[in-house]
Amino acid sequence: MGMQMKFDLKKLFNLDRRIIYLLIFLSILIPFLVEFDLPIKANKDVKNIFNKIEDVAKNKGHQGSILLSFDFDNASKAELEPMARSLLAHAFKNNLRVIAMGHWPNGVELAKSILNDLAREFKKEYGEDWVYLGYRPGVSILIINMGKDFKSAFQTDAFGKNTKELAATKNIKTINDIDYVISLSAGSGGIEDWVVYGRSKYHFELGGACTAVMAADFYPFLQSGQLNGLIGGLAGAAQYETLLGRPAEAVSGMRPQSIAHIVLIFFILFGNFCYLIDRFYLSKRS
């Protein structure tokens, strides 16, 4: 009986890897075809960003403003676009003014597309409810100039309109006149630059949103209080969508990712179980 058990386990050890690949493929494909709810609970760092926007809306109303810095491009679109859409929806839903910009020239058209989509959905007027300042070179110098004289940093918006004449920006003298700044970051020219050249010098409220692989790098900024919150990766985006009551791309994307992880964990545990059983029978035989 023991030898038969060992023989069967040996066959499991030599399981055709194509079967594993097939199960992984199905674990990714099926959640795209079948919708189901996952228990998504927002962590403290994501809640802090959500609550800060709620506080600005409560205390300032339509005169409240947030700055979104689109510091990413199409390579990180899958993770950061859902965050951008949720943050914009949250701001527009609460009638906050949105001032958008970006440190990545390759992300300009992507930012325009996202901003236009959400502005149309919430029927927001350009110049009055939102402004897109576009890209300016010189990340560190630009942020420092925004802290000294916002109008000198951005004399015109991305479409050539004078920022002194736009309702959303005419009363902004320095970046401290903006209630909350959030950097959507995929690398250099993102969160770290906002912390070093902006938050550390001018002490404005700063939140971050980044790819999952970068999130751990910014935990020291959270612990020091230089970031008040952080949305990390697709999981963070899904948490924010859940808080907002607006499940969209991130929640949908978490389904295949979660099921695939469960399948992988199962095979890891199963492989270790087979190994231990095999060792047990080897020791019995000796």
C-alpha atoms as a PDB file:
ATOM      1  CA  MET A   1       0.000   0.000   0.000  1.00  0.00           C
ATOM      2  CA  GLY A   2       2.832   2.337   0.959  1.00  0.00           C
ATOM      3  CA  MET A   3       4.712   1.624  -2.252  1.00  0.00           C
ATOM      4  CA  GLN A   4       1.547   2.230  -4.299  1.00  0.00           C
ATOM      5  CA  MET A   5       1.062   5.577  -2.520  1.00  0.00           C
ATOM      6  CA  LYS A   6       4.683   6.488  -3.284  1.00  0.00           C
ATOM      7  CA  PHE A   7       4.271   5.493  -6.930  1.00  0.00           C
ATOM      8  CA  ASP A   8       1.179   7.691  -7.276  1.00  0.00           C
ATOM      9  CA  LEU A   9       2.978  10.631  -5.672  1.00  0.00           C
ATOM     10  CA  LYS A  10       5.867  10.206  -8.076  1.00  0.00           C
ATOM     11  CA  LYS A  11       3.414  10.569 -10.939  1.00  0.00           C
ATOM     12  CA  LEU A  12       2.130  13.762  -9.341  1.00  0.00           C
ATOM     13  CA  PHE A  13       5.703  15.031  -9.032  1.00  0.00           C
ATOM     14  CA  ASN A  14       6.060  14.547 -12.778  1.00  0.00           C
ATOM     15  CA  LEU A  15       2.751  16.221 -13.586  1.00  0.00           C
ATOM     16  CA  ASP A  16       2.834  17.587 -17.124  1.00  0.00           C
ATOM     17  CA  ARG A  17       3.520  21.305 -16.771  1.00  0.00           C
ATOM     18  CA  ARG A  18       1.098  21.974 -19.614  1.00  0.00           C
ATOM     19  CA  ILE A  19      -1.714  21.040 -17.226  1.00  0.00           C
ATOM     20  CA  ILE A  20      -0.512  23.727 -14.819  1.00  0.00           C
ATOM     21  CA  TYR A  21      -0.284  26.266 -17.656  1.00  0.00           C
ATOM     22  CA  LEU A  22      -3.806  25.374 -18.744  1.00  0.00           C
ATOM     23  CA  LEU A  23      -5.198  25.863 -15.231  1.00  0.00           C
ATOM     24  CA  ILE A  24      -3.441  29.220 -14.917  1.00  0.00           C
ATOM     25  CA  PHE A  25      -4.843  30.249 -18.305  1.00  0.00           C
ATOM     26  CA  LEU A  26      -8.368  29.255 -17.266  1.00  0.00           C
ATOM     27  CA  SER A  27      -8.005  31.031 -13.919  1.00  0.00           C
ATOM     28  CA  ILE A  28      -7.302  34.244 -15.831  1.00  0.00           C
ATOM     29  CA  LEU A  29      -9.815  33.743 -18.653  1.00  0.00           C
ATOM     30  CA  ILE A  30     -12.903  32.658 -16.689  1.00  0.00           C
ATOM     31  CA  PRO A  31     -13.015  35.711 -14.341  1.00  0.00           C
ATOM     32  CA  PHE A  32     -13.089  37.922 -17.459  1.00  0.00           C
ATOM     33  CA  LEU A  33     -16.154  36.050 -18.699  1.00  0.00           C
ATOM     34  CA  VAL A  34     -17.983  35.530 -15.403  1.00  0.00           C
ATOM     35  CA  GLU A  35     -18.580  38.501 -13.124  1.00  0.00           C
ATOM     36  CA  PHE A  36     -18.482  37.947  -9.371  1.00  0.00           C
ATOM     37  CA  ASP A  37     -17.861  40.093  -6.326  1.00  0.00           C
ATOM     38  CA  LEU A  38     -14.644  40.010  -4.354  1.00  0.00           C
ATOM     39  CA  PRO A  39     -14.341  41.207  -0.751  1.00  0.00           C
ATOM     40  CA  ILE A  40     -12.264  44.370  -1.214  1.00  0.00           C
ATOM     41  CA  LYS A  41     -11.349  46.285   1.928  1.00  0.00           C
ATOM     42  CA  ALA A  42      -9.516  49.594   1.645  1.00  0.00           C
ATOM     43  CA  ASN A  43      -6.358  50.003   3.695  1.00  0.00           C
ATOM     44  CA  LYS A  44      -5.519  53.057   5.803  1.00  0.00           C
ATOM     45  CA  ASP A  45      -3.304  54.733   3.190  1.00  0.00           C
ATOM     46  CA  VAL A  46      -6.005  54.595   0.501  1.00  0.00           C
ATOM     47  CA  LYS A  47      -8.658  55.789   2.961  1.00  0.00           C
ATOM     48  CA  ASN A  48      -6.495  58.785   3.892  1.00  0.00           C
ATOM     49  CA  ILE A  49      -6.552  60.078   0.310  1.00  0.00           C
ATOM     50  CA  PHE A  50     -10.294  59.468   0.020  1.00  0.00           C
ATOM     51  CA  ASN A  51     -10.975  61.198   3.344  1.00  0.00           C
ATOM     52  CA  LYS A  52      -8.767  64.178   2.478  1.00  0.00           C
ATOM     53  CA  ILE A  53     -10.765  64.866  -0.680  1.00  0.00           C
ATOM     54  CA  GLU A  54     -13.975  64.510   1.345  1.00  0.00           C
ATOM     55  CA  ASP A  55     -12.631  67.029   3.904  1.00  0.00           C
ATOM     56  CA  VAL A  56     -11.687  69.560   1.227  1.00  0.00           C
ATOM     57  CA  ALA A  57     -15.160  69.277  -0.289  1.00  0.00           C
ATOM     58  CA  LYS A  58     -16.818  69.664   3.108  1.00  0.00           C
ATOM     59  CA  ASN A  59     -14.759  72.695   4.150  1.00  0.00           C
ATOM     60  CA  LYS A  60     -14.314  74.521   0.840  1.00  0.00           C
ATOM     61  CA  GLY A  61     -17.137  73.409  -1.456  1.00  0.00           C
ATOM     62  CA  HIS A  62     -16.771  74.578  -5.059  1.00  0.00           C
ATOM     63  CA  GLN A  63     -13.898  76.858  -4.028  1.00  0.00           C
ATOM     64  CA  GLY A  64     -11.870  73.822  -2.985  1.00  0.00           C
ATOM     65  CA  SER A  65      -9.260  72.556  -5.420  1.00  0.00           C
ATOM     66  CA  ILE A  66      -6.980  69.601  -5.995  1.00  0.00           C
ATOM     67  CA  LEU A  67      -3.982  69.294  -8.292  1.00  0.00           C
ATOM     68  CA  LEU A  68      -3.485  66.006 -10.124  1.00  0.00           C
ATOM     69  CA  SER A  69      -0.046  65.470 -11.623  1.00  0.00           C
ATOM     70  CA  PHE A  70      -0.183  62.871 -14.414  1.00  0.00           C
ATOM     71  CA  ASP A  71       3.365  61.574 -14.029  1.00  0.00           C
ATOM     72  CA  PHE A  72       2.972  58.457 -16.166  1.00  0.00           C
ATOM     73  CA  ASP A  73       2.436  57.343 -19.759  1.00  0.00           C
ATOM     74  CA  ASN A  74       0.857  54.445 -21.654  1.00  0.00           C
ATOM     75  CA  ALA A  75       3.338  51.889 -20.302  1.00  0.00           C
ATOM     76  CA  SER A  76       1.724  52.216 -16.848  1.00  0.00           C
ATOM     77  CA  LYS A  77      -1.787  52.938 -18.074  1.00  0.00           C
ATOM     78  CA  ALA A  78      -3.265  49.635 -16.837  1.00  0.00           C
ATOM     79  CA  GLU A  79      -2.515  50.449 -13.203  1.00  0.00           C
ATOM     80  CA  LEU A  80      -2.623  54.243 -13.059  1.00  0.00           C
ATOM     81  CA  GLU A  81      -5.505  55.149 -15.372  1.00  0.00           C
ATOM     82  CA  PRO A  82      -8.134  53.554 -13.068  1.00  0.00           C
ATOM     83  CA  MET A  83      -6.707  55.606 -10.184  1.00  0.00           C
ATOM     84  CA  ALA A  84      -6.796  58.804 -12.225  1.00  0.00           C
ATOM     85  CA  ARG A  85     -10.394  58.202 -13.274  1.00  0.00           C
ATOM     86  CA  SER A  86     -11.501  57.469  -9.706  1.00  0.00           C
ATOM     87  CA  LEU A  87      -9.742  60.533  -8.282  1.00  0.00           C
ATOM     88  CA  LEU A  88     -11.257  62.749 -10.959  1.00  0.00           C
ATOM     89  CA  ALA A  89     -14.702  61.256 -10.442  1.00  0.00           C
ATOM     90  CA  HIS A  90     -14.390  61.825  -6.699  1.00  0.00           C
ATOM     91  CA  ALA A  91     -13.355  65.457  -7.155  1.00  0.00           C
ATOM     92  CA  PHE A  92     -16.005  66.243  -9.786  1.00  0.00           C
ATOM     93  CA  LYS A  93     -18.684  64.455  -7.780  1.00  0.00           C
ATOM     94  CA  ASN A  94     -17.900  66.765  -4.856  1.00  0.00           C
ATOM     95  CA  ASN A  95     -17.765  69.870  -7.108  1.00  0.00           C
ATOM     96  CA  LEU A  96     -14.087  70.490  -6.445  1.00  0.00           C
ATOM     97  CA  ARG A  97     -12.005  72.330  -8.986  1.00  0.00           C
ATOM     98  CA  VAL A  98      -9.370  70.171 -10.655  1.00  0.00           C
ATOM     99  CA  ILE A  99      -6.043  71.526 -11.838  1.00  0.00           C
ATOM    100  CA  ALA A 100      -4.128  68.938 -13.844  1.00  0.00           C
ATOM    101  CA  MET A 101      -0.573  68.844 -15.161  1.00  0.00           C
ATOM    102  CA  GLY A 102       2.176  66.316 -15.750  1.00  0.00           C
ATOM    103  CA  HIS A 103       5.947  65.871 -15.716  1.00  0.00           C
ATOM    104  CA  TRP A 104       5.962  63.231 -18.461  1.00  0.00           C
ATOM    105  CA  PRO A 105       5.718  64.571 -22.031  1.00  0.00           C
ATOM    106  CA  ASN A 106       4.641  61.147 -23.333  1.00  0.00           C
ATOM    107  CA  GLY A 107       1.618  61.235 -21.039  1.00  0.00           C
ATOM    108  CA  VAL A 108       0.077  64.469 -22.294  1.00  0.00           C
ATOM    109  CA  GLU A 109      -2.432  62.966 -24.727  1.00  0.00           C
ATOM    110  CA  LEU A 110      -3.388  60.234 -22.272  1.00  0.00           C
ATOM    111  CA  ALA A 111      -4.072  62.842 -19.581  1.00  0.00           C
ATOM    112  CA  LYS A 112      -6.168  64.905 -21.993  1.00  0.00           C
ATOM    113  CA  SER A 113      -8.257  61.875 -22.905  1.00  0.00           C
ATOM    114  CA  ILE A 114      -8.944  60.928 -19.278  1.00  0.00           C
ATOM    115  CA  LEU A 115      -9.769  64.505 -18.279  1.00  0.00           C
ATOM    116  CA  ASN A 116     -12.113  65.048 -21.212  1.00  0.00           C
ATOM    117  CA  ASP A 117     -13.939  61.757 -20.575  1.00  0.00           C
ATOM    118  CA  LEU A 118     -14.645  62.529 -16.917  1.00  0.00           C
ATOM    119  CA  ALA A 119     -15.471  66.192 -17.578  1.00  0.00           C
ATOM    120  CA  ARG A 120     -18.093  65.134 -20.121  1.00  0.00           C
ATOM    121  CA  GLU A 121     -19.525  62.527 -17.780  1.00  0.00           C
ATOM    122  CA  PHE A 122     -19.926  65.008 -14.914  1.00  0.00           C
ATOM    123  CA  LYS A 123     -20.793  67.936 -17.211  1.00  0.00           C
ATOM    124  CA  LYS A 124     -17.915  70.093 -15.998  1.00  0.00           C
ATOM    125  CA  GLU A 125     -16.943  73.293 -17.766  1.00  0.00           C
ATOM    126  CA  TYR A 126     -13.363  73.908 -18.821  1.00  0.00           C
ATOM    127  CA  GLY A 127     -11.767  76.910 -17.149  1.00  0.00           C
ATOM    128  CA  GLU A 128     -14.438  77.091 -14.466  1.00  0.00           C
ATOM    129  CA  ASP A 129     -14.390  73.549 -13.042  1.00  0.00           C
ATOM    130  CA  TRP A 130     -11.134  72.176 -14.398  1.00  0.00           C
ATOM    131  CA  VAL A 131      -7.935  73.205 -16.133  1.00  0.00           C
ATOM    132  CA  TYR A 132      -5.188  71.235 -17.828  1.00  0.00           C
ATOM    133  CA  LEU A 133      -1.817  72.968 -17.594  1.00  0.00           C
ATOM    134  CA  GLY A 134       0.026  70.366 -19.639  1.00  0.00           C
ATOM    135  CA  TYR A 135       3.736  69.591 -19.558  1.00  0.00           C
ATOM    136  CA  ARG A 136       6.618  71.901 -18.715  1.00  0.00           C
ATOM    137  CA  PRO A 137      10.284  70.782 -18.671  1.00  0.00           C
ATOM    138  CA  GLY A 138      12.465  70.871 -15.570  1.00  0.00           C
ATOM    139  CA  VAL A 139      10.738  68.852 -12.873  1.00  0.00           C
ATOM    140  CA  SER A 140      12.543  70.208  -9.797  1.00  0.00           C
ATOM    141  CA  ILE A 141      12.692  73.829 -10.974  1.00  0.00           C
ATOM    142  CA  LEU A 142       9.059  73.740 -12.041  1.00  0.00           C
ATOM    143  CA  ILE A 143       7.869  72.504  -8.640  1.00  0.00           C
ATOM    144  CA  ILE A 144       9.978  75.105  -6.834  1.00  0.00           C
ATOM    145  CA  ASN A 145       8.591  77.857  -9.097  1.00  0.00           C
ATOM    146  CA  MET A 146       5.044  76.679  -8.399  1.00  0.00           C
ATOM    147  CA  GLY A 147       5.750  77.198  -4.711  1.00  0.00           C
ATOM    148  CA  LYS A 148       7.087  80.716  -5.292  1.00  0.00           C
ATOM    149  CA  ASP A 149       4.857  82.064  -8.061  1.00  0.00           C
ATOM    150  CA  PHE A 150       2.337  79.758  -9.661  1.00  0.00           C
ATOM    151  CA  LYS A 151       1.609  82.098 -12.574  1.00  0.00           C
ATOM    152  CA  SER A 152       5.272  82.356 -13.534  1.00  0.00           C
ATOM    153  CA  ALA A 153       5.485  78.568 -13.646  1.00  0.00           C
ATOM    154  CA  PHE A 154       2.307  78.325 -15.740  1.00  0.00           C
ATOM    155  CA  GLN A 155       1.525  81.552 -17.553  1.00  0.00           C
ATOM    156  CA  THR A 156      -0.756  79.673 -19.942  1.00  0.00           C
ATOM    157  CA  ASP A 157      -2.518  76.323 -19.893  1.00  0.00           C
ATOM    158  CA  ALA A 158      -1.987  73.447 -22.341  1.00  0.00           C
ATOM    159  CA  PHE A 159      -4.221  75.216 -24.893  1.00  0.00           C
ATOM    160  CA  GLY A 160      -2.559  78.635 -24.710  1.00  0.00           C
ATOM    161  CA  LYS A 161      -5.144  80.282 -22.446  1.00  0.00           C
ATOM    162  CA  ASN A 162      -3.906  82.765 -19.852  1.00  0.00           C
ATOM    163  CA  THR A 163      -4.092  81.223 -16.370  1.00  0.00           C
ATOM    164  CA  LYS A 164      -4.852  84.662 -14.894  1.00  0.00           C
ATOM    165  CA  GLU A 165      -8.128  84.679 -16.812  1.00  0.00           C
ATOM    166  CA  LEU A 166      -9.316  81.158 -15.971  1.00  0.00           C
ATOM    167  CA  ALA A 167     -11.640  80.953 -12.974  1.00  0.00           C
ATOM    168  CA  ALA A 168     -10.023  77.770 -11.664  1.00  0.00           C
ATOM    169  CA  THR A 169      -6.515  79.298 -11.525  1.00  0.00           C
ATOM    170  CA  LYS A 170      -6.842  83.077 -11.348  1.00  0.00           C
ATOM    171  CA  ASN A 171      -6.762  83.174  -7.534  1.00  0.00           C
ATOM    172  CA  ILE A 172      -3.859  80.755  -7.170  1.00  0.00           C
ATOM    173  CA  LYS A 173      -0.688  82.648  -6.263  1.00  0.00           C
ATOM    174  CA  THR A 174       1.400  79.720  -5.036  1.00  0.00           C
ATOM    175  CA  ILE A 175       0.928  75.986  -4.782  1.00  0.00           C
ATOM    176  CA  ASN A 176      -0.137  76.488  -1.154  1.00  0.00           C
ATOM    177  CA  ASP A 177      -3.394  77.970  -2.455  1.00  0.00           C
ATOM    178  CA  ILE A 178      -4.286  74.506  -3.753  1.00  0.00           C
ATOM    179  CA  ASP A 179      -5.907  72.341  -1.086  1.00  0.00           C
ATOM    180  CA  TYR A 180      -4.464  68.984  -2.046  1.00  0.00           C
ATOM    181  CA  VAL A 181      -1.814  67.705  -4.472  1.00  0.00           C
ATOM    182  CA  ILE A 182      -1.716  64.127  -5.757  1.00  0.00           C
ATOM    183  CA  SER A 183       0.997  62.682  -7.975  1.00  0.00           C
ATOM    184  CA  LEU A 184       0.083  59.699 -10.149  1.00  0.00           C
ATOM    185  CA  SER A 185       3.568  58.345 -10.583  1.00  0.00           C
ATOM    186  CA  ALA A 186       5.268  55.639 -12.630  1.00  0.00           C
ATOM    187  CA  GLY A 187       8.871  56.618 -11.964  1.00  0.00           C
ATOM    188  CA  SER A 188      11.299  59.525 -11.959  1.00  0.00           C
ATOM    189  CA  GLY A 189       9.561  62.862 -12.237  1.00  0.00           C
ATOM    190  CA  GLY A 190       6.835  61.767  -9.866  1.00  0.00           C
ATOM    191  CA  ILE A 191       6.130  61.294  -6.173  1.00  0.00           C
ATOM    192  CA  GLU A 192       9.722  61.516  -4.941  1.00  0.00           C
ATOM    193  CA  ASP A 193      10.288  64.817  -6.764  1.00  0.00           C
ATOM    194  CA  TRP A 194       7.057  66.229  -5.334  1.00  0.00           C
ATOM    195  CA  VAL A 195       8.228  65.267  -1.838  1.00  0.00           C
ATOM    196  CA  VAL A 196      11.800  66.527  -2.141  1.00  0.00           C
ATOM    197  CA  TYR A 197      11.235  69.769  -4.052  1.00  0.00           C
ATOM    198  CA  GLY A 198       7.658  70.555  -3.058  1.00  0.00           C
ATOM    199  CA  ARG A 199       6.295  69.050   0.148  1.00  0.00           C
ATOM    200  CA  SER A 200       9.573  69.394   2.094  1.00  0.00           C
ATOM    201  CA  LYS A 201       9.924  73.058   1.123  1.00  0.00           C
ATOM    202  CA  TYR A 202       6.365  74.388   1.034  1.00  0.00           C
ATOM    203  CA  HIS A 203       4.548  71.952   3.372  1.00  0.00           C
ATOM    204  CA  PHE A 204       1.402  71.476   1.294  1.00  0.00           C
ATOM    205  CA  GLU A 205      -0.746  68.354   1.631  1.00  0.00           C
ATOM    206  CA  LEU A 206       0.519  65.638  -0.707  1.00  0.00           C
ATOM    207  CA  GLY A 207      -0.861  62.216  -1.650  1.00  0.00           C
ATOM    208  CA  GLY A 208       0.543  59.625  -4.012  1.00  0.00           C
ATOM    209  CA  ALA A 209      -0.633  56.964  -6.431  1.00  0.00           C
ATOM    210  CA  CYS A 210       1.847  54.585  -8.035  1.00  0.00           C
ATOM    211  CA  THR A 211       2.446  51.202  -9.643  1.00  0.00           C
ATOM    212  CA  ALA A 212       2.530  48.188  -7.324  1.00  0.00           C
ATOM    213  CA  VAL A 213       6.252  47.592  -7.818  1.00  0.00           C
ATOM    214  CA  MET A 214       7.029  51.139  -6.611  1.00  0.00           C
ATOM    215  CA  ALA A 215       4.743  51.267  -3.578  1.00  0.00           C
ATOM    216  CA  ALA A 216       7.262  49.902  -1.051  1.00  0.00           C
ATOM    217  CA  ASP A 217       9.708  52.689  -1.951  1.00  0.00           C
ATOM    218  CA  PHE A 218       7.304  55.309  -0.617  1.00  0.00           C
ATOM    219  CA  TYR A 219       6.480  53.792   2.774  1.00  0.00           C
ATOM    220  CA  PRO A 220       9.176  55.932   4.484  1.00  0.00           C
ATOM    221  CA  PHE A 221       7.387  59.060   3.166  1.00  0.00           C
ATOM    222  CA  LEU A 222       4.141  57.779   4.681  1.00  0.00           C
ATOM    223  CA  GLN A 223       5.824  57.106   8.029  1.00  0.00           C
ATOM    224  CA  SER A 224       7.407  60.570   8.083  1.00  0.00           C
ATOM    225  CA  GLY A 225       4.110  62.269   7.200  1.00  0.00           C
ATOM    226  CA  GLN A 226       5.449  63.684   3.942  1.00  0.00           C
ATOM    227  CA  LEU A 227       2.744  61.695   2.155  1.00  0.00           C
ATOM    228  CA  ASN A 228      -0.667  61.626   3.792  1.00  0.00           C
ATOM    229  CA  GLY A 229      -1.773  58.590   1.769  1.00  0.00           C
ATOM    230  CA  LEU A 230      -0.824  56.224  -1.041  1.00  0.00           C
ATOM    231  CA  ILE A 231      -2.750  54.232  -3.652  1.00  0.00           C
ATOM    232  CA  GLY A 232      -0.543  51.330  -4.711  1.00  0.00           C
ATOM    233  CA  GLY A 233      -1.082  49.279  -7.856  1.00  0.00           C
ATOM    234  CA  LEU A 234      -4.258  47.751  -9.203  1.00  0.00           C
ATOM    235  CA  ALA A 235      -5.250  46.551  -5.726  1.00  0.00           C
ATOM    236  CA  GLY A 236      -5.114  50.122  -4.402  1.00  0.00           C
ATOM    237  CA  ALA A 237      -7.107  51.358  -7.382  1.00  0.00           C
ATOM    238  CA  ALA A 238      -9.759  48.696  -6.718  1.00  0.00           C
ATOM    239  CA  GLN A 239      -9.919  49.758  -3.068  1.00  0.00           C
ATOM    240  CA  TYR A 240     -10.484  53.367  -4.095  1.00  0.00           C
ATOM    241  CA  GLU A 241     -13.210  52.376  -6.563  1.00  0.00           C
ATOM    242  CA  THR A 242     -14.902  50.449  -3.756  1.00  0.00           C
ATOM    243  CA  LEU A 243     -14.750  53.422  -1.374  1.00  0.00           C
ATOM    244  CA  LEU A 244     -16.197  55.611  -4.099  1.00  0.00           C
ATOM    245  CA  GLY A 245     -18.975  53.117  -4.823  1.00  0.00           C
ATOM    246  CA  ARG A 246     -17.917  53.123  -8.459  1.00  0.00           C
ATOM    247  CA  PRO A 247     -16.484  49.700  -9.363  1.00  0.00           C
ATOM    248  CA  ALA A 248     -14.789  49.829 -12.745  1.00  0.00           C
ATOM    249  CA  GLU A 249     -11.611  48.633 -14.466  1.00  0.00           C
ATOM    250  CA  ALA A 250      -9.563  48.050 -11.307  1.00  0.00           C
ATOM    251  CA  VAL A 251     -12.203  45.900  -9.598  1.00  0.00           C
ATOM    252  CA  SER A 252     -12.648  43.908 -12.823  1.00  0.00           C
ATOM    253  CA  GLY A 253      -8.890  43.513 -13.149  1.00  0.00           C
ATOM    254  CA  MET A 254      -8.550  42.166  -9.613  1.00  0.00           C
ATOM    255  CA  ARG A 255     -10.776  39.151 -10.368  1.00  0.00           C
ATOM    256  CA  PRO A 256      -8.376  37.262 -12.699  1.00  0.00           C
ATOM    257  CA  GLN A 257      -5.373  38.409 -10.682  1.00  0.00           C
ATOM    258  CA  SER A 258      -6.840  37.087  -7.430  1.00  0.00           C
ATOM    259  CA  ILE A 259      -7.958  33.732  -8.857  1.00  0.00           C
ATOM    260  CA  ALA A 260      -4.594  33.201 -10.570  1.00  0.00           C
ATOM    261  CA  HIS A 261      -2.828  33.869  -7.266  1.00  0.00           C
ATOM    262  CA  ILE A 262      -5.053  31.317  -5.513  1.00  0.00           C
ATOM    263  CA  VAL A 263      -4.208  28.695  -8.151  1.00  0.00           C
ATOM    264  CA  LEU A 264      -0.479  29.429  -7.833  1.00  0.00           C
ATOM    265  CA  ILE A 265      -0.622  29.204  -4.040  1.00  0.00           C
ATOM    266  CA  PHE A 266      -2.474  25.897  -4.319  1.00  0.00           C
ATOM    267  CA  PHE A 267       0.256  24.403  -6.515  1.00  0.00           C
ATOM    268  CA  ILE A 268       2.989  25.674  -4.190  1.00  0.00           C
ATOM    269  CA  LEU A 269       1.301  24.092  -1.170  1.00  0.00           C
ATOM    270  CA  PHE A 270       0.465  20.919  -3.071  1.00  0.00           C
ATOM    271  CA  GLY A 271       4.030  20.533  -4.308  1.00  0.00           C
ATOM    272  CA  ASN A 272       5.401  20.907  -0.775  1.00  0.00           C
ATOM    273  CA  PHE A 273       2.845  18.411   0.533  1.00  0.00           C
ATOM    274  CA  CYS A 274       3.907  15.826  -2.058  1.00  0.00           C
ATOM    275  CA  TYR A 275       7.552  16.439  -1.226  1.00  0.00           C
ATOM    276  CA  LEU A 276       7.010  15.901   2.514  1.00  0.00           C
ATOM    277  CA  ILE A 277       4.978  12.739   1.933  1.00  0.00           C
ATOM    278  CA  ASP A 278       7.692  11.397  -0.368  1.00  0.00           C
ATOM    279  CA  ARG A 279      10.366  12.127   2.236  1.00  0.00           C
ATOM    280  CA  PHE A 280       8.255  10.331   4.829  1.00  0.00           C
ATOM    281  CA  TYR A 281       8.035   7.138   2.751  1.00  0.00           C
ATOM    282  CA  LEU A 282      11.729   7.314   1.931  1.00  0.00           C
ATOM    283  CA  SER A 283      12.547   7.469   5.656  1.00  0.00           C
ATOM    284  CA  LYS A 284      10.215   4.525   6.334  1.00  0.00           C
ATOM    285  CA  ARG A 285      11.913   2.499   3.636  1.00  0.00           C
ATOM    286  CA  SER A 286      15.389   3.163   4.991  1.00  0.00           C
END
